[in-house]
Amino acid sequence: MGIDFTGGSLLEVEFMVMRPNQSDVNQALAELNLGNIVSQPVGEKGMIIRFKDVNEEIHQKILQTLKEKFKPSDALNLPEGQGINFEIKIIEEKRFDSIGPVIGQELKNKTIWAIIIVLIAIVIYIAWAFRKVSKPVASWKYGLIAVLALFHDITITVGVFVILGKFYNLEANAPFVAALLTVLGYSVNDTIVVFDRIRENLIKHLGEDFDKIVDQSINEVIVRSINTSFTVLLALLALLLFGGATIRDFILALIVGISVGTYSSIFLASPLLVIWEKFKTK
C-alpha cells in the first residue's frame, strides 16, 4: 500500500550534479526522527523518499538537511564556499505529498465502495440492455457473468502488482485505483461487444444450438477485439516508455488489465454462458 492508503509523506527531489547513495540519504535524514525512511532512485538523478506524515516545518528542514549534507562544493570539488550560490540548482524539489493516516483509511474504504458500486451498476445495466433476451440464458446472467470476468481481470492485475511490489517496490496508490476502475470500464465494454453479437445471432438463428451460436459470434468479433486492444496497448507502451516515473504505475496497471480483459472477454465470459446453459439443461 502506498501513502494514499497508509498515510505518510512522499518527497521527490532531483540532484542536478550527482545523486548520492540511498544509504547516505537515509543516514542524513535519520536525525530528523522521520520514522521508517524508504528512498528509491528515479531516472538518472532523481530520488523518491518516503517517511511518516510531517508538517510543513519538518518538510523545510528535510530540504535544508539535504542541501547541507550534499553541498555542490562537495559534488564539484570546489573550494569551500564557492558553490553556495549554486546550491538551489543542485537539489530541486519535484513534488511533496503528505497524507494523514485517517485520510488514508477513509480513501481505502471509499475505494472498496467505489468498486462495489461500479460492479452492481454494471450488472443492472447489462440486465436492462439484454432484457429482451430471455432464452436460453436469462438477461441478468449476462450481467453476472460479465462481473465474474471483471473479477478475473482485477484479481490478475492486482496479483501482478503484488509480485512487482515484492521485487520492484511498486505501490498501490490513488492512480492505481483509477487504473483499476478504467480497466473495469474497458473490459466490460469489450465483453458487451461479444454479448451483443450473441444477442443478434440468437435472433437470426432461431432453433440452433446455443454453443454453436456463441462460437460463431466469437469468430465474428475476435479480430475486431484484438485489433482494438492492440491499438490501445501501442499508445500505452509509448506512455510507459516516455511518460516518466509519475505515471508509470498507472500505465503499467492499464497494460496488464486491458491485456487480461481482452482475453477474458473472448475466452472466459462467453464460454461461461455456454457452461451455465448446459448446466441448467442437465
Protein backbone atom coordinates (compact mmCIF):
# COMPACT_ATOMS: atom_id res chain seq x y z
CA MET A 1 0.00 0.00 0.00
CA GLY A 2 1.21 3.50 -0.87
CA ILE A 3 0.92 6.54 1.36
CA ASP A 4 -2.51 7.27 -0.15
CA PHE A 5 -3.83 4.38 1.95
CA THR A 6 -1.38 4.04 4.84
CA GLY A 7 -0.73 7.74 5.42
CA GLY A 8 2.69 9.36 5.32
CA SER A 9 4.76 11.75 3.24
CA LEU A 10 6.44 11.44 -0.13
CA LEU A 11 9.19 13.75 -1.33
CA GLU A 12 10.64 13.60 -4.82
CA VAL A 13 13.86 15.52 -5.45
CA GLU A 14 16.37 15.69 -8.26
CA PHE A 15 20.10 16.09 -7.74
CA MET A 16 21.39 18.20 -10.62
CA VAL A 17 25.05 17.21 -10.32
CA MET A 18 25.39 13.78 -8.72
CA ARG A 19 22.83 11.60 -6.94
CA PRO A 20 24.03 10.24 -3.58
CA ASN A 21 23.53 6.66 -2.43
CA GLN A 22 20.24 5.66 -0.83
CA SER A 23 22.00 4.75 2.42
CA ASP A 24 23.64 8.20 2.55
CA VAL A 25 20.28 9.93 2.15
CA ASN A 26 18.65 7.75 4.82
CA GLN A 27 21.52 8.41 7.20
CA ALA A 28 21.40 12.16 6.57
CA LEU A 29 17.69 12.30 7.42
CA ALA A 30 17.80 9.87 10.36
CA GLU A 31 18.40 12.66 12.89
CA LEU A 32 15.06 14.31 11.99
CA ASN A 33 13.06 11.42 13.53
CA LEU A 34 11.07 10.63 10.37
CA GLY A 35 10.28 7.04 11.28
CA ASN A 36 10.97 4.36 8.67
CA ILE A 37 12.68 6.13 5.74
CA VAL A 38 12.49 4.46 2.33
CA SER A 39 14.37 6.03 -0.57
CA GLN A 40 14.11 4.93 -4.18
CA PRO A 41 16.13 6.14 -7.21
CA VAL A 42 14.10 7.56 -10.10
CA GLY A 43 15.52 8.25 -13.53
CA GLU A 44 19.14 9.29 -13.79
CA LYS A 45 19.45 11.74 -10.89
CA GLY A 46 16.07 11.72 -9.13
CA MET A 47 15.07 10.13 -5.85
CA ILE A 48 11.75 9.47 -4.10
CA ILE A 49 11.88 9.49 -0.29
CA ARG A 50 9.01 8.15 1.85
CA PHE A 51 8.60 8.70 5.58
CA LYS A 52 5.94 9.35 8.22
CA ASP A 53 3.40 12.17 7.96
CA VAL A 54 5.11 15.52 8.65
CA ASN A 55 4.10 19.19 8.72
CA GLU A 56 5.46 21.99 6.58
CA GLU A 57 8.13 22.93 9.13
CA ILE A 58 9.67 19.44 9.05
CA HIS A 59 9.28 19.43 5.27
CA GLN A 60 11.50 22.51 5.00
CA LYS A 61 14.00 21.03 7.48
CA ILE A 62 14.29 17.95 5.28
CA LEU A 63 15.08 20.06 2.22
CA GLN A 64 17.59 22.13 4.16
CA THR A 65 19.27 19.00 5.51
CA LEU A 66 19.63 17.53 2.04
CA LYS A 67 21.14 20.79 0.77
CA GLU A 68 23.59 20.97 3.65
CA LYS A 69 24.63 17.30 3.57
CA PHE A 70 25.13 17.20 -0.20
CA LYS A 71 26.67 20.58 -0.94
CA PRO A 72 27.59 21.45 -4.50
CA SER A 73 31.13 22.27 -3.37
CA ASP A 74 31.48 18.60 -2.42
CA ALA A 75 29.96 17.34 -5.68
CA LEU A 76 32.01 19.67 -7.90
CA ASN A 77 35.20 19.50 -5.80
CA LEU A 78 35.11 23.29 -5.41
CA PRO A 79 36.83 25.16 -2.58
CA GLU A 80 34.61 25.66 0.45
CA GLY A 81 32.07 28.45 -0.09
CA GLN A 82 32.31 28.77 -3.87
CA GLY A 83 29.30 26.61 -4.56
CA ILE A 84 26.88 28.28 -2.15
CA ASN A 85 25.15 30.44 -4.76
CA PHE A 86 24.67 27.39 -6.95
CA GLU A 87 23.14 25.28 -4.18
CA ILE A 88 19.48 25.84 -5.09
CA LYS A 89 20.07 24.37 -8.52
CA ILE A 90 21.78 21.26 -7.17
CA ILE A 91 18.70 19.89 -5.37
CA GLU A 92 15.32 20.59 -6.94
CA GLU A 93 12.05 19.56 -5.30
CA LYS A 94 9.73 17.87 -7.80
CA ARG A 95 6.76 17.11 -5.56
CA PHE A 96 5.73 16.69 -1.94
CA ASP A 97 2.62 14.80 -0.79
CA SER A 98 1.57 14.33 2.82
CA ILE A 99 -1.47 12.32 3.86
CA GLY A 100 -2.59 11.59 7.40
CA PRO A 101 -3.46 8.01 8.46
CA VAL A 102 -7.15 8.89 8.98
CA ILE A 103 -7.45 10.23 5.43
CA GLY A 104 -5.64 7.15 4.13
CA GLN A 105 -8.10 4.81 5.83
CA GLU A 106 -11.03 6.85 4.53
CA LEU A 107 -9.67 6.65 0.98
CA LYS A 108 -9.24 2.89 1.32
CA ASN A 109 -12.88 2.49 2.36
CA LYS A 110 -14.09 4.73 -0.45
CA THR A 111 -12.04 2.72 -2.93
CA ILE A 112 -13.72 -0.53 -1.90
CA TRP A 113 -17.18 1.07 -2.11
CA ALA A 114 -16.39 2.61 -5.50
CA ILE A 115 -15.51 -0.78 -6.97
CA ILE A 116 -18.58 -2.45 -5.42
CA ILE A 117 -20.91 0.25 -6.75
CA VAL A 118 -19.39 0.02 -10.22
CA LEU A 119 -19.88 -3.76 -10.31
CA ILE A 120 -23.52 -3.51 -9.16
CA ALA A 121 -24.22 -0.78 -11.72
CA ILE A 122 -22.71 -2.94 -14.49
CA VAL A 123 -24.96 -5.90 -13.59
CA ILE A 124 -28.05 -3.68 -13.60
CA TYR A 125 -27.17 -2.01 -16.89
CA ILE A 126 -26.40 -5.25 -18.74
CA ALA A 127 -29.57 -6.87 -17.39
CA TRP A 128 -31.56 -3.91 -18.72
CA ALA A 129 -29.74 -3.81 -22.07
CA PHE A 130 -30.37 -7.53 -22.61
CA ARG A 131 -33.89 -7.51 -21.18
CA LYS A 132 -35.39 -8.79 -24.46
CA VAL A 133 -33.09 -11.82 -24.42
CA SER A 134 -34.56 -14.46 -22.15
CA LYS A 135 -33.77 -17.73 -23.90
CA PRO A 136 -31.84 -19.85 -23.41
CA VAL A 137 -29.95 -17.67 -20.89
CA ALA A 138 -31.76 -15.04 -18.80
CA SER A 139 -30.69 -11.41 -19.26
CA TRP A 140 -29.41 -10.97 -15.68
CA LYS A 141 -27.00 -13.86 -16.19
CA TYR A 142 -25.17 -11.88 -18.86
CA GLY A 143 -24.52 -9.18 -16.29
CA LEU A 144 -23.41 -11.61 -13.61
CA ILE A 145 -21.01 -13.39 -15.96
CA ALA A 146 -19.60 -10.03 -17.09
CA VAL A 147 -18.87 -9.21 -13.44
CA LEU A 148 -17.20 -12.61 -12.95
CA ALA A 149 -14.96 -11.82 -15.91
CA LEU A 150 -14.20 -8.41 -14.40
CA PHE A 151 -13.34 -10.02 -11.08
CA HIS A 152 -10.92 -12.23 -13.01
CA ASP A 153 -9.34 -9.16 -14.67
CA ILE A 154 -8.97 -7.18 -11.44
CA THR A 155 -7.60 -10.16 -9.50
CA ILE A 156 -4.85 -10.82 -12.04
CA THR A 157 -3.96 -7.11 -12.30
CA VAL A 158 -3.68 -6.81 -8.52
CA GLY A 159 -1.76 -10.10 -8.38
CA VAL A 160 0.80 -8.83 -10.90
CA PHE A 161 1.30 -5.69 -8.81
CA VAL A 162 1.72 -7.79 -5.67
CA ILE A 163 4.59 -9.65 -7.34
CA LEU A 164 6.12 -6.45 -8.77
CA GLY A 165 5.71 -4.76 -5.41
CA LYS A 166 7.63 -7.60 -3.77
CA PHE A 167 10.60 -7.36 -6.12
CA TYR A 168 10.48 -3.82 -7.56
CA ASN A 169 8.80 -1.79 -4.77
CA LEU A 170 5.70 -0.85 -6.79
CA GLU A 171 2.86 0.51 -4.65
CA ALA A 172 -0.93 0.56 -4.73
CA ASN A 173 -1.95 4.21 -4.64
CA ALA A 174 -4.69 6.52 -5.93
CA PRO A 175 -3.54 6.31 -9.60
CA PHE A 176 -3.57 2.52 -9.28
CA VAL A 177 -7.21 2.64 -8.14
CA ALA A 178 -8.01 4.89 -11.10
CA ALA A 179 -6.35 2.34 -13.37
CA LEU A 180 -8.46 -0.49 -11.89
CA LEU A 181 -11.68 1.46 -12.48
CA THR A 182 -10.55 2.21 -16.04
CA VAL A 183 -9.87 -1.47 -16.61
CA LEU A 184 -13.38 -2.27 -15.34
CA GLY A 185 -14.91 0.10 -17.86
CA TYR A 186 -12.77 -1.02 -20.80
CA SER A 187 -13.09 -4.73 -20.12
CA VAL A 188 -16.87 -4.69 -19.71
CA ASN A 189 -17.14 -2.73 -22.95
CA ASP A 190 -15.22 -5.45 -24.78
CA THR A 191 -17.37 -8.13 -23.14
CA ILE A 192 -20.62 -6.40 -24.12
CA VAL A 193 -19.49 -6.27 -27.76
CA VAL A 194 -19.23 -10.07 -27.74
CA PHE A 195 -22.53 -10.48 -25.86
CA ASP A 196 -24.29 -8.10 -28.24
CA ARG A 197 -23.21 -10.18 -31.24
CA ILE A 198 -24.53 -13.27 -29.45
CA ARG A 199 -27.85 -11.48 -28.94
CA GLU A 200 -28.06 -10.61 -32.65
CA ASN A 201 -27.26 -14.15 -33.76
CA LEU A 202 -29.82 -15.61 -31.35
CA ILE A 203 -32.48 -13.70 -33.26
CA LYS A 204 -31.08 -14.57 -36.69
CA HIS A 205 -30.57 -18.27 -36.00
CA LEU A 206 -33.60 -19.35 -34.02
CA GLY A 207 -33.56 -23.02 -33.07
CA GLU A 208 -29.81 -23.59 -33.45
CA ASP A 209 -27.67 -24.88 -30.61
CA PHE A 210 -26.62 -22.15 -28.21
CA ASP A 211 -22.97 -23.22 -28.12
CA LYS A 212 -22.74 -23.01 -31.93
CA ILE A 213 -24.23 -19.51 -31.90
CA VAL A 214 -21.72 -18.40 -29.26
CA ASP A 215 -18.86 -19.93 -31.25
CA GLN A 216 -19.97 -18.15 -34.41
CA SER A 217 -20.35 -14.85 -32.57
CA ILE A 218 -16.84 -15.05 -31.11
CA ASN A 219 -15.37 -15.79 -34.53
CA GLU A 220 -17.11 -12.71 -35.92
CA VAL A 221 -15.74 -10.27 -33.32
CA ILE A 222 -12.40 -11.77 -32.27
CA VAL A 223 -10.32 -9.89 -34.86
CA ARG A 224 -12.05 -6.62 -34.02
CA SER A 225 -11.47 -7.08 -30.28
CA ILE A 226 -7.80 -7.97 -30.64
CA ASN A 227 -7.09 -5.14 -33.08
CA THR A 228 -8.81 -2.59 -30.86
CA SER A 229 -6.91 -3.69 -27.77
CA PHE A 230 -3.63 -3.86 -29.69
CA THR A 231 -4.07 -0.25 -30.81
CA VAL A 232 -4.69 0.86 -27.21
CA LEU A 233 -1.66 -1.10 -25.98
CA LEU A 234 0.59 0.62 -28.54
CA ALA A 235 -0.39 4.00 -27.12
CA LEU A 236 0.09 2.75 -23.54
CA LEU A 237 3.54 1.34 -24.36
CA ALA A 238 4.59 4.71 -25.72
CA LEU A 239 3.42 6.37 -22.49
CA LEU A 240 5.19 3.72 -20.41
CA LEU A 241 8.49 4.32 -22.19
CA PHE A 242 8.38 8.10 -22.47
CA GLY A 243 5.77 9.26 -19.94
CA GLY A 244 8.03 9.46 -16.91
CA ALA A 245 8.04 7.82 -13.50
CA THR A 246 4.99 9.67 -12.11
CA ILE A 247 2.51 7.83 -14.37
CA ARG A 248 4.47 4.60 -14.79
CA ASP A 249 2.46 2.54 -12.30
CA PHE A 250 -0.84 3.83 -13.70
CA ILE A 251 0.12 2.92 -17.28
CA LEU A 252 1.53 -0.47 -16.26
CA ALA A 253 -1.74 -1.36 -14.48
CA LEU A 254 -3.68 -0.38 -17.62
CA ILE A 255 -1.45 -2.54 -19.83
CA VAL A 256 -1.91 -5.59 -17.62
CA GLY A 257 -5.64 -5.02 -17.09
CA ILE A 258 -6.51 -4.37 -20.74
CA SER A 259 -4.48 -7.37 -21.92
CA VAL A 260 -6.20 -9.65 -19.42
CA GLY A 261 -9.58 -8.04 -20.15
CA THR A 262 -9.28 -8.76 -23.86
CA TYR A 263 -8.51 -12.38 -23.06
CA SER A 264 -11.39 -12.78 -20.62
CA SER A 265 -13.98 -11.20 -22.95
CA ILE A 266 -13.30 -13.84 -25.58
CA PHE A 267 -12.09 -16.91 -23.73
CA LEU A 268 -13.85 -16.62 -20.37
CA ALA A 269 -17.12 -14.68 -20.43
CA SER A 270 -18.71 -16.33 -23.47
CA PRO A 271 -17.72 -19.92 -22.55
CA LEU A 272 -19.23 -19.32 -19.10
CA LEU A 273 -22.55 -18.57 -20.82
CA VAL A 274 -22.42 -21.92 -22.56
CA ILE A 275 -21.43 -23.76 -19.38
CA TRP A 276 -24.29 -22.15 -17.44
CA GLU A 277 -26.80 -23.02 -20.18
CA LYS A 278 -25.67 -26.65 -20.32
CA PHE A 279 -25.73 -26.95 -16.54
CA LYS A 280 -29.30 -25.62 -16.48
CA THR A 281 -30.32 -28.06 -19.19
CA LYS A 282 -28.91 -31.02 -17.27
